[in-house]
């Protein structure tokens, strides 16, 4: 296993042209590199499998903390606002990981073809989990990484290997849980539908009663299962998405603070500034000034 992880790290290092997130030539596959440990950074995970080849990371979802390294993998079953921190990395041995994005529909279709997938039902599961990696899973990941520089082969072989990787995932400890999010009519799938509705336009006011009605749940059941899945309330979830989108608008488009506030659904710029400061530790103005200084120093 150590030899395979070393080989995977070499391949990811070759593919990662810079620190941060790197797109690859294979659809839905990304490589992340960090040459030093980091502070906790806010982002949104889409439904994905995360495999570390080298280093370690800490991920915070609500009040829950997940630590994983090359011996384990992390799965996010839906769009989740998280805080992530690289806790093991250096110039000599940078943090290297691979992200495989997937859709619940793909998981459902694959699970329906599998006689061997566990079909039990469980209490509404949390949408994030860490599990021990298997040799079969690493074998498939390694074969996929070897296709990064082989465009002709990857167009044919990559979809087959990705299917194998998700098949291994469904066969593993998290298989039953992952299936619940893709299974139409399950509480987990209803919450997944509600999250799609929330994320489709985060500037819209959140009416929990209407949202719960749309996904076929009572308000009390909706609140309970939403917190089971995301480790936060619907309002907390939307607020975190809004603030993260606001920061993206600030640092990428350099928009005015008031304009950003309205774009993400805040009627009061002063309320937006207060909540932004509590969440990120800096006011929008100071955060933007710091970002501009960092850009100049590069």
C-alpha atoms as a PDB file:
ATOM      1  CA  UNK A   1       0.000   0.000   0.000  1.00  0.00           C
ATOM      2  CA  UNK A   2       2.841   2.422   0.852  1.00  0.00           C
ATOM      3  CA  UNK A   3       4.435   1.903  -2.561  1.00  0.00           C
ATOM      4  CA  UNK A   4       1.115   2.562  -4.308  1.00  0.00           C
ATOM      5  CA  UNK A   5       0.506   5.725  -2.290  1.00  0.00           C
ATOM      6  CA  UNK A   6       4.022   6.951  -3.114  1.00  0.00           C
ATOM      7  CA  UNK A   7       3.408   6.318  -6.821  1.00  0.00           C
ATOM      8  CA  UNK A   8       0.061   8.127  -6.569  1.00  0.00           C
ATOM      9  CA  UNK A   9       1.751  11.092  -4.853  1.00  0.00           C
ATOM     10  CA  UNK A  10       4.290  11.337  -7.696  1.00  0.00           C
ATOM     11  CA  UNK A  11       1.505  11.370 -10.299  1.00  0.00           C
ATOM     12  CA  UNK A  12      -0.514  13.999  -8.430  1.00  0.00           C
ATOM     13  CA  UNK A  13       2.597  16.144  -7.961  1.00  0.00           C
ATOM     14  CA  UNK A  14       3.192  16.063 -11.712  1.00  0.00           C
ATOM     15  CA  UNK A  15      -0.432  17.046 -12.385  1.00  0.00           C
ATOM     16  CA  UNK A  16      -0.635  19.847  -9.782  1.00  0.00           C
ATOM     17  CA  UNK A  17       0.831  22.866 -11.577  1.00  0.00           C
ATOM     18  CA  UNK A  18       0.307  25.167  -8.591  1.00  0.00           C
ATOM     19  CA  UNK A  19      -0.701  25.165  -4.951  1.00  0.00           C
ATOM     20  CA  UNK A  20      -4.471  25.054  -4.580  1.00  0.00           C
ATOM     21  CA  UNK A  21      -7.088  23.306  -6.691  1.00  0.00           C
ATOM     22  CA  UNK A  22      -6.004  22.084 -10.138  1.00  0.00           C
ATOM     23  CA  UNK A  23      -8.314  20.898 -12.902  1.00  0.00           C
ATOM     24  CA  UNK A  24      -7.177  17.799 -14.779  1.00  0.00           C
ATOM     25  CA  UNK A  25      -7.743  16.562 -18.306  1.00  0.00           C
ATOM     26  CA  UNK A  26     -10.324  14.093 -16.964  1.00  0.00           C
ATOM     27  CA  UNK A  27     -13.836  15.385 -16.344  1.00  0.00           C
ATOM     28  CA  UNK A  28     -14.889  15.563 -12.674  1.00  0.00           C
ATOM     29  CA  UNK A  29     -11.368  14.882 -11.391  1.00  0.00           C
ATOM     30  CA  UNK A  30      -9.395  17.590  -9.539  1.00  0.00           C
ATOM     31  CA  UNK A  31      -6.046  17.589  -7.773  1.00  0.00           C
ATOM     32  CA  UNK A  32      -5.248  19.713  -4.717  1.00  0.00           C
ATOM     33  CA  UNK A  33      -1.736  20.661  -3.594  1.00  0.00           C
ATOM     34  CA  UNK A  34      -0.487  22.579  -0.538  1.00  0.00           C
ATOM     35  CA  UNK A  35       3.208  23.167   0.170  1.00  0.00           C
ATOM     36  CA  UNK A  36       2.608  24.194   3.782  1.00  0.00           C
ATOM     37  CA  UNK A  37       0.044  23.808   6.531  1.00  0.00           C
ATOM     38  CA  UNK A  38      -2.829  26.307   6.338  1.00  0.00           C
ATOM     39  CA  UNK A  39      -5.302  28.098   8.525  1.00  0.00           C
ATOM     40  CA  UNK A  40      -8.897  26.906   8.394  1.00  0.00           C
ATOM     41  CA  UNK A  41     -10.366  28.056   5.071  1.00  0.00           C
ATOM     42  CA  UNK A  42     -14.059  28.136   4.187  1.00  0.00           C
ATOM     43  CA  UNK A  43     -15.362  26.500   1.030  1.00  0.00           C
ATOM     44  CA  UNK A  44     -18.254  24.392  -0.270  1.00  0.00           C
ATOM     45  CA  UNK A  45     -17.757  20.702  -0.980  1.00  0.00           C
ATOM     46  CA  UNK A  46     -19.855  19.270  -3.784  1.00  0.00           C
ATOM     47  CA  UNK A  47     -20.758  15.559  -3.806  1.00  0.00           C
ATOM     48  CA  UNK A  48     -17.299  13.997  -4.005  1.00  0.00           C
ATOM     49  CA  UNK A  49     -14.829  11.350  -2.935  1.00  0.00           C
ATOM     50  CA  UNK A  50     -11.564  12.764  -1.547  1.00  0.00           C
ATOM     51  CA  UNK A  51      -8.414  10.639  -1.494  1.00  0.00           C
ATOM     52  CA  UNK A  52      -5.138  11.832   0.081  1.00  0.00           C
ATOM     53  CA  UNK A  53      -1.861  10.509  -1.324  1.00  0.00           C
ATOM     54  CA  UNK A  54       0.388  12.533   1.005  1.00  0.00           C
ATOM     55  CA  UNK A  55      -0.206  14.709   4.080  1.00  0.00           C
ATOM     56  CA  UNK A  56      -3.281  15.154   6.276  1.00  0.00           C
ATOM     57  CA  UNK A  57      -6.337  17.409   6.514  1.00  0.00           C
ATOM     58  CA  UNK A  58      -8.951  18.484   9.048  1.00  0.00           C
ATOM     59  CA  UNK A  59     -12.485  19.277   7.877  1.00  0.00           C
ATOM     60  CA  UNK A  60     -15.143  20.951  10.025  1.00  0.00           C
ATOM     61  CA  UNK A  61     -18.853  20.607   9.210  1.00  0.00           C
ATOM     62  CA  UNK A  62     -21.044  22.389  11.742  1.00  0.00           C
ATOM     63  CA  UNK A  63     -19.847  21.164  15.133  1.00  0.00           C
ATOM     64  CA  UNK A  64     -18.336  17.969  13.661  1.00  0.00           C
ATOM     65  CA  UNK A  65     -14.622  17.523  12.915  1.00  0.00           C
ATOM     66  CA  UNK A  66     -13.110  14.967  10.525  1.00  0.00           C
ATOM     67  CA  UNK A  67      -9.389  14.234  10.269  1.00  0.00           C
ATOM     68  CA  UNK A  68      -8.063  12.037   7.477  1.00  0.00           C
ATOM     69  CA  UNK A  69      -4.825  11.144   5.716  1.00  0.00           C
ATOM     70  CA  UNK A  70      -3.505   8.626   3.198  1.00  0.00           C
ATOM     71  CA  UNK A  71      -4.946   5.729   5.212  1.00  0.00           C
ATOM     72  CA  UNK A  72      -8.521   6.983   4.846  1.00  0.00           C
ATOM     73  CA  UNK A  73     -10.944   8.700   2.489  1.00  0.00           C
ATOM     74  CA  UNK A  74     -13.625  11.343   2.978  1.00  0.00           C
ATOM     75  CA  UNK A  75     -17.002  11.401   1.229  1.00  0.00           C
ATOM     76  CA  UNK A  76     -19.299  14.393   0.871  1.00  0.00           C
ATOM     77  CA  UNK A  77     -22.724  13.248  -0.318  1.00  0.00           C
ATOM     78  CA  UNK A  78     -24.110  16.715  -1.208  1.00  0.00           C
ATOM     79  CA  UNK A  79     -23.160  20.385  -1.329  1.00  0.00           C
ATOM     80  CA  UNK A  80     -21.812  21.200   2.137  1.00  0.00           C
ATOM     81  CA  UNK A  81     -20.321  24.461   3.466  1.00  0.00           C
ATOM     82  CA  UNK A  82     -17.220  23.400   5.360  1.00  0.00           C
ATOM     83  CA  UNK A  83     -14.030  24.734   6.882  1.00  0.00           C
ATOM     84  CA  UNK A  84     -10.910  22.846   5.807  1.00  0.00           C
ATOM     85  CA  UNK A  85      -7.367  22.973   7.168  1.00  0.00           C
ATOM     86  CA  UNK A  86      -4.213  21.297   5.874  1.00  0.00           C
ATOM     87  CA  UNK A  87      -2.487  19.978   8.994  1.00  0.00           C
ATOM     88  CA  UNK A  88       0.440  18.068   7.458  1.00  0.00           C
ATOM     89  CA  UNK A  89       2.406  19.495   4.520  1.00  0.00           C
ATOM     90  CA  UNK A  90       5.829  20.905   3.613  1.00  0.00           C
ATOM     91  CA  UNK A  91       7.813  22.009   0.567  1.00  0.00           C
ATOM     92  CA  UNK A  92       9.643  18.665   0.600  1.00  0.00           C
ATOM     93  CA  UNK A  93       6.435  16.636   1.086  1.00  0.00           C
ATOM     94  CA  UNK A  94       3.460  18.733  -0.012  1.00  0.00           C
ATOM     95  CA  UNK A  95      -0.112  17.787   0.767  1.00  0.00           C
ATOM     96  CA  UNK A  96      -1.550  16.025  -2.309  1.00  0.00           C
ATOM     97  CA  UNK A  97      -5.117  14.836  -2.783  1.00  0.00           C
ATOM     98  CA  UNK A  98      -7.508  13.880  -5.543  1.00  0.00           C
ATOM     99  CA  UNK A  99     -11.201  14.765  -5.727  1.00  0.00           C
ATOM    100  CA  UNK A 100     -13.718  12.722  -7.725  1.00  0.00           C
ATOM    101  CA  UNK A 101     -17.016  14.579  -8.151  1.00  0.00           C
ATOM    102  CA  UNK A 102     -20.211  12.587  -8.723  1.00  0.00           C
ATOM    103  CA  UNK A 103     -23.977  13.058  -8.878  1.00  0.00           C
ATOM    104  CA  UNK A 104     -26.604  11.296  -6.730  1.00  0.00           C
ATOM    105  CA  UNK A 105     -28.273  10.171  -9.968  1.00  0.00           C
ATOM    106  CA  UNK A 106     -25.102   8.369 -11.058  1.00  0.00           C
ATOM    107  CA  UNK A 107     -24.854   6.664  -7.661  1.00  0.00           C
ATOM    108  CA  UNK A 108     -28.508   5.588  -7.840  1.00  0.00           C
ATOM    109  CA  UNK A 109     -28.086   4.170 -11.346  1.00  0.00           C
ATOM    110  CA  UNK A 110     -24.946   2.288 -10.341  1.00  0.00           C
ATOM    111  CA  UNK A 111     -26.464   0.937  -7.121  1.00  0.00           C
ATOM    112  CA  UNK A 112     -29.518  -0.318  -9.012  1.00  0.00           C
ATOM    113  CA  UNK A 113     -27.213  -2.456 -11.193  1.00  0.00           C
ATOM    114  CA  UNK A 114     -25.503  -4.061  -8.202  1.00  0.00           C
ATOM    115  CA  UNK A 115     -26.837  -7.194  -6.571  1.00  0.00           C
ATOM    116  CA  UNK A 116     -24.062  -7.020  -3.963  1.00  0.00           C
ATOM    117  CA  UNK A 117     -24.710  -3.487  -2.697  1.00  0.00           C
ATOM    118  CA  UNK A 118     -26.086  -3.395   0.829  1.00  0.00           C
ATOM    119  CA  UNK A 119     -29.749  -2.389   0.664  1.00  0.00           C
ATOM    120  CA  UNK A 120     -30.520  -1.845   4.311  1.00  0.00           C
ATOM    121  CA  UNK A 121     -32.066   1.370   5.591  1.00  0.00           C
ATOM    122  CA  UNK A 122     -30.610   3.469   8.368  1.00  0.00           C
ATOM    123  CA  UNK A 123     -31.479   6.512  10.407  1.00  0.00           C
ATOM    124  CA  UNK A 124     -31.043   9.653   8.300  1.00  0.00           C
ATOM    125  CA  UNK A 125     -27.249   9.798   7.892  1.00  0.00           C
ATOM    126  CA  UNK A 126     -24.821  12.688   8.078  1.00  0.00           C
ATOM    127  CA  UNK A 127     -23.768  13.736   4.579  1.00  0.00           C
ATOM    128  CA  UNK A 128     -20.052  13.492   5.346  1.00  0.00           C
ATOM    129  CA  UNK A 129     -17.984  10.579   6.583  1.00  0.00           C
ATOM    130  CA  UNK A 130     -14.411   9.263   6.820  1.00  0.00           C
ATOM    131  CA  UNK A 131     -13.512   5.598   6.328  1.00  0.00           C
ATOM    132  CA  UNK A 132     -10.417   3.440   5.983  1.00  0.00           C
ATOM    133  CA  UNK A 133      -9.211   3.130   2.407  1.00  0.00           C
ATOM    134  CA  UNK A 134      -8.986  -0.334   0.833  1.00  0.00           C
ATOM    135  CA  UNK A 135      -6.254  -1.656  -1.435  1.00  0.00           C
ATOM    136  CA  UNK A 136      -8.828  -2.228  -4.191  1.00  0.00           C
ATOM    137  CA  UNK A 137      -9.853   1.421  -4.042  1.00  0.00           C
ATOM    138  CA  UNK A 138      -6.248   2.667  -4.180  1.00  0.00           C
ATOM    139  CA  UNK A 139      -5.537   0.328  -7.125  1.00  0.00           C
ATOM    140  CA  UNK A 140      -8.380   1.925  -9.106  1.00  0.00           C
ATOM    141  CA  UNK A 141      -7.409   5.483  -8.097  1.00  0.00           C
ATOM    142  CA  UNK A 142      -3.816   4.833  -9.180  1.00  0.00           C
ATOM    143  CA  UNK A 143      -4.899   3.494 -12.568  1.00  0.00           C
ATOM    144  CA  UNK A 144      -7.028   6.618 -13.057  1.00  0.00           C
ATOM    145  CA  UNK A 145      -4.131   8.944 -12.151  1.00  0.00           C
ATOM    146  CA  UNK A 146      -1.917   7.191 -14.716  1.00  0.00           C
ATOM    147  CA  UNK A 147      -4.323   8.452 -17.408  1.00  0.00           C
ATOM    148  CA  UNK A 148      -3.735  12.154 -16.666  1.00  0.00           C
ATOM    149  CA  UNK A 149      -1.172  12.520 -19.441  1.00  0.00           C
ATOM    150  CA  UNK A 150      -2.795  10.045 -21.831  1.00  0.00           C
ATOM    151  CA  UNK A 151      -5.706  11.917 -23.442  1.00  0.00           C
ATOM    152  CA  UNK A 152      -6.452   9.259 -26.044  1.00  0.00           C
ATOM    153  CA  UNK A 153      -6.626   6.467 -23.474  1.00  0.00           C
ATOM    154  CA  UNK A 154      -8.421   8.527 -20.816  1.00  0.00           C
ATOM    155  CA  UNK A 155     -11.392   9.355 -23.045  1.00  0.00           C
ATOM    156  CA  UNK A 156     -12.242   5.637 -23.181  1.00  0.00           C
ATOM    157  CA  UNK A 157     -10.797   4.188 -19.970  1.00  0.00           C
ATOM    158  CA  UNK A 158     -11.402   6.971 -17.426  1.00  0.00           C
ATOM    159  CA  UNK A 159     -15.229   6.573 -17.325  1.00  0.00           C
ATOM    160  CA  UNK A 160     -14.794   2.820 -16.775  1.00  0.00           C
ATOM    161  CA  UNK A 161     -12.301   3.304 -13.918  1.00  0.00           C
ATOM    162  CA  UNK A 162     -14.467   6.019 -12.307  1.00  0.00           C
ATOM    163  CA  UNK A 163     -17.361   3.589 -12.370  1.00  0.00           C
ATOM    164  CA  UNK A 164     -15.145   0.985 -10.681  1.00  0.00           C
ATOM    165  CA  UNK A 165     -14.087   3.498  -8.006  1.00  0.00           C
ATOM    166  CA  UNK A 166     -17.696   4.370  -7.158  1.00  0.00           C
ATOM    167  CA  UNK A 167     -18.544   0.658  -7.237  1.00  0.00           C
ATOM    168  CA  UNK A 168     -15.827   0.065  -4.596  1.00  0.00           C
ATOM    169  CA  UNK A 169     -17.250   2.965  -2.604  1.00  0.00           C
ATOM    170  CA  UNK A 170     -20.730   1.438  -2.667  1.00  0.00           C
ATOM    171  CA  UNK A 171     -19.296  -1.902  -1.614  1.00  0.00           C
ATOM    172  CA  UNK A 172     -17.546  -0.362   1.377  1.00  0.00           C
ATOM    173  CA  UNK A 173     -18.638   0.825   4.813  1.00  0.00           C
ATOM    174  CA  UNK A 174     -20.270   3.961   3.432  1.00  0.00           C
ATOM    175  CA  UNK A 175     -22.225   2.164   0.700  1.00  0.00           C
ATOM    176  CA  UNK A 176     -25.534   1.966   2.576  1.00  0.00           C
ATOM    177  CA  UNK A 177     -25.301   5.624   3.564  1.00  0.00           C
ATOM    178  CA  UNK A 178     -24.429   6.833   0.070  1.00  0.00           C
ATOM    179  CA  UNK A 179     -27.313   4.862  -1.381  1.00  0.00           C
ATOM    180  CA  UNK A 180     -29.757   6.581   1.003  1.00  0.00           C
ATOM    181  CA  UNK A 181     -28.993   9.986  -0.491  1.00  0.00           C
ATOM    182  CA  UNK A 182     -29.654   8.689  -4.000  1.00  0.00           C
ATOM    183  CA  UNK A 183     -32.736   6.607  -3.107  1.00  0.00           C
ATOM    184  CA  UNK A 184     -35.898   8.401  -4.177  1.00  0.00           C
ATOM    185  CA  UNK A 185     -38.372   8.726  -1.312  1.00  0.00           C
ATOM    186  CA  UNK A 186     -35.832   8.349   1.500  1.00  0.00           C
ATOM    187  CA  UNK A 187     -35.553  11.147   4.072  1.00  0.00           C
ATOM    188  CA  UNK A 188     -31.910  11.663   3.087  1.00  0.00           C
ATOM    189  CA  UNK A 189     -32.921  12.118  -0.557  1.00  0.00           C
ATOM    190  CA  UNK A 190     -35.657  14.592   0.408  1.00  0.00           C
ATOM    191  CA  UNK A 191     -33.074  16.676   2.253  1.00  0.00           C
ATOM    192  CA  UNK A 192     -30.796  16.445  -0.795  1.00  0.00           C
ATOM    193  CA  UNK A 193     -33.674  17.793  -2.915  1.00  0.00           C
ATOM    194  CA  UNK A 194     -34.212  20.662  -0.477  1.00  0.00           C
ATOM    195  CA  UNK A 195     -30.528  21.568  -0.672  1.00  0.00           C
ATOM    196  CA  UNK A 196     -30.754  21.712  -4.464  1.00  0.00           C
ATOM    197  CA  UNK A 197     -33.656  24.152  -4.070  1.00  0.00           C
ATOM    198  CA  UNK A 198     -31.739  26.311  -1.572  1.00  0.00           C
ATOM    199  CA  UNK A 199     -28.564  26.415  -3.681  1.00  0.00           C
ATOM    200  CA  UNK A 200     -30.430  27.159  -6.937  1.00  0.00           C
ATOM    201  CA  UNK A 201     -30.819  30.788  -5.756  1.00  0.00           C
ATOM    202  CA  UNK A 202     -29.250  31.648  -2.411  1.00  0.00           C
ATOM    203  CA  UNK A 203     -30.451  35.255  -2.655  1.00  0.00           C
ATOM    204  CA  UNK A 204     -34.083  34.163  -2.255  1.00  0.00           C
ATOM    205  CA  UNK A 205     -35.594  34.297   1.277  1.00  0.00           C
ATOM    206  CA  UNK A 206     -35.777  30.878   2.891  1.00  0.00           C
ATOM    207  CA  UNK A 207     -39.350  29.827   3.757  1.00  0.00           C
ATOM    208  CA  UNK A 208     -38.939  26.576   5.671  1.00  0.00           C
ATOM    209  CA  UNK A 209     -42.656  25.745   5.583  1.00  0.00           C
ATOM    210  CA  UNK A 210     -42.806  26.025   1.796  1.00  0.00           C
ATOM    211  CA  UNK A 211     -39.525  24.188   1.349  1.00  0.00           C
ATOM    212  CA  UNK A 212     -40.579  21.272   3.568  1.00  0.00           C
ATOM    213  CA  UNK A 213     -43.876  21.072   1.670  1.00  0.00           C
ATOM    214  CA  UNK A 214     -42.069  20.887  -1.667  1.00  0.00           C
ATOM    215  CA  UNK A 215     -40.051  17.850  -0.545  1.00  0.00           C
ATOM    216  CA  UNK A 216     -43.019  16.141   1.136  1.00  0.00           C
ATOM    217  CA  UNK A 217     -42.101  16.500   4.823  1.00  0.00           C
ATOM    218  CA  UNK A 218     -43.648  18.157   7.848  1.00  0.00           C
ATOM    219  CA  UNK A 219     -41.840  21.238   9.152  1.00  0.00           C
ATOM    220  CA  UNK A 220     -40.721  19.458  12.337  1.00  0.00           C
ATOM    221  CA  UNK A 221     -39.485  16.376  10.450  1.00  0.00           C
ATOM    222  CA  UNK A 222     -37.735  18.578   7.900  1.00  0.00           C
ATOM    223  CA  UNK A 223     -35.866  20.517  10.602  1.00  0.00           C
ATOM    224  CA  UNK A 224     -34.853  17.308  12.374  1.00  0.00           C
ATOM    225  CA  UNK A 225     -33.597  15.456   9.301  1.00  0.00           C
ATOM    226  CA  UNK A 226     -31.923  18.533   7.808  1.00  0.00           C
ATOM    227  CA  UNK A 227     -29.805  18.848  10.941  1.00  0.00           C
ATOM    228  CA  UNK A 228     -29.058  15.096  10.911  1.00  0.00           C
ATOM    229  CA  UNK A 229     -27.715  15.405   7.365  1.00  0.00           C
ATOM    230  CA  UNK A 230     -25.867  18.742   7.439  1.00  0.00           C
ATOM    231  CA  UNK A 231     -25.083  19.245  11.163  1.00  0.00           C
ATOM    232  CA  UNK A 232     -26.796  22.663  10.974  1.00  0.00           C
ATOM    233  CA  UNK A 233     -30.253  24.210  10.588  1.00  0.00           C
ATOM    234  CA  UNK A 234     -31.627  25.255   7.154  1.00  0.00           C
ATOM    235  CA  UNK A 235     -31.105  28.948   8.022  1.00  0.00           C
ATOM    236  CA  UNK A 236     -27.524  28.334   9.183  1.00  0.00           C
ATOM    237  CA  UNK A 237     -26.874  26.376   5.983  1.00  0.00           C
ATOM    238  CA  UNK A 238     -28.170  29.167   3.750  1.00  0.00           C
ATOM    239  CA  UNK A 239     -26.284  31.822   5.731  1.00  0.00           C
ATOM    240  CA  UNK A 240     -22.981  29.999   5.312  1.00  0.00           C
ATOM    241  CA  UNK A 241     -23.582  29.571   1.567  1.00  0.00           C
ATOM    242  CA  UNK A 242     -24.422  33.266   1.239  1.00  0.00           C
ATOM    243  CA  UNK A 243     -21.317  34.401   3.114  1.00  0.00           C
ATOM    244  CA  UNK A 244     -19.030  32.119   1.137  1.00  0.00           C
ATOM    245  CA  UNK A 245     -20.551  33.319  -2.151  1.00  0.00           C
ATOM    246  CA  UNK A 246     -20.135  36.906  -0.926  1.00  0.00           C
ATOM    247  CA  UNK A 247     -16.438  36.392  -0.263  1.00  0.00           C
ATOM    248  CA  UNK A 248     -16.007  34.855  -3.713  1.00  0.00           C
ATOM    249  CA  UNK A 249     -17.643  37.947  -5.278  1.00  0.00           C
ATOM    250  CA  UNK A 250     -15.471  40.258  -3.200  1.00  0.00           C
ATOM    251  CA  UNK A 251     -12.113  38.714  -4.074  1.00  0.00           C
ATOM    252  CA  UNK A 252     -12.784  37.700  -7.679  1.00  0.00           C
ATOM    253  CA  UNK A 253     -14.826  40.653  -8.954  1.00  0.00           C
ATOM    254  CA  UNK A 254     -13.796  43.309  -6.408  1.00  0.00           C
ATOM    255  CA  UNK A 255     -17.458  44.369  -6.116  1.00  0.00           C
ATOM    256  CA  UNK A 256     -18.554  47.022  -3.640  1.00  0.00           C
ATOM    257  CA  UNK A 257     -19.607  45.636  -0.255  1.00  0.00           C
ATOM    258  CA  UNK A 258     -23.182  46.934  -0.527  1.00  0.00           C
ATOM    259  CA  UNK A 259     -23.582  45.425  -4.002  1.00  0.00           C
ATOM    260  CA  UNK A 260     -22.262  42.062  -2.791  1.00  0.00           C
ATOM    261  CA  UNK A 261     -24.644  42.110   0.185  1.00  0.00           C
ATOM    262  CA  UNK A 262     -27.681  42.590  -2.063  1.00  0.00           C
ATOM    263  CA  UNK A 263     -26.463  40.015  -4.590  1.00  0.00           C
ATOM    264  CA  UNK A 264     -26.435  37.262  -1.966  1.00  0.00           C
ATOM    265  CA  UNK A 265     -29.780  38.192  -0.439  1.00  0.00           C
ATOM    266  CA  UNK A 266     -29.039  40.671   2.375  1.00  0.00           C
ATOM    267  CA  UNK A 267     -31.341  43.696   2.602  1.00  0.00           C
ATOM    268  CA  UNK A 268     -29.097  45.415   5.143  1.00  0.00           C
ATOM    269  CA  UNK A 269     -25.387  45.974   4.308  1.00  0.00           C
ATOM    270  CA  UNK A 270     -24.666  46.605   7.996  1.00  0.00           C
ATOM    271  CA  UNK A 271     -26.160  43.231   8.993  1.00  0.00           C
ATOM    272  CA  UNK A 272     -24.172  41.615   6.194  1.00  0.00           C
ATOM    273  CA  UNK A 273     -20.941  43.208   7.455  1.00  0.00           C
ATOM    274  CA  UNK A 274     -21.601  42.042  11.026  1.00  0.00           C
ATOM    275  CA  UNK A 275     -22.283  38.445   9.987  1.00  0.00           C
ATOM    276  CA  UNK A 276     -19.353  38.408   7.544  1.00  0.00           C
ATOM    277  CA  UNK A 277     -17.000  39.617  10.278  1.00  0.00           C
ATOM    278  CA  UNK A 278     -18.228  36.984  12.750  1.00  0.00           C
ATOM    279  CA  UNK A 279     -17.832  34.228  10.169  1.00  0.00           C
ATOM    280  CA  UNK A 280     -14.492  35.135   8.568  1.00  0.00           C
ATOM    281  CA  UNK A 281     -12.863  37.086  11.395  1.00  0.00           C
ATOM    282  CA  UNK A 282     -12.421  40.207   9.227  1.00  0.00           C
ATOM    283  CA  UNK A 283     -14.874  42.807   7.954  1.00  0.00           C
ATOM    284  CA  UNK A 284     -15.592  42.665   4.193  1.00  0.00           C
ATOM    285  CA  UNK A 285     -13.544  45.838   3.658  1.00  0.00           C
ATOM    286  CA  UNK A 286     -10.524  44.563   5.597  1.00  0.00           C
ATOM    287  CA  UNK A 287     -10.757  41.132   3.981  1.00  0.00           C
ATOM    288  CA  UNK A 288     -10.728  42.705   0.513  1.00  0.00           C
ATOM    289  CA  UNK A 289      -7.791  44.974   1.428  1.00  0.00           C
ATOM    290  CA  UNK A 290      -5.822  41.991   2.715  1.00  0.00           C
ATOM    291  CA  UNK A 291      -6.555  40.037  -0.456  1.00  0.00           C
ATOM    292  CA  UNK A 292      -5.350  42.964  -2.609  1.00  0.00           C
ATOM    293  CA  UNK A 293      -2.115  43.157  -0.607  1.00  0.00           C
ATOM    294  CA  UNK A 294      -1.532  39.437  -1.082  1.00  0.00           C
ATOM    295  CA  UNK A 295      -2.084  39.774  -4.835  1.00  0.00           C
ATOM    296  CA  UNK A 296       0.478  42.584  -5.054  1.00  0.00           C
ATOM    297  CA  UNK A 297       3.074  40.597  -3.133  1.00  0.00           C
ATOM    298  CA  UNK A 298       2.895  37.594  -5.450  1.00  0.00           C
END
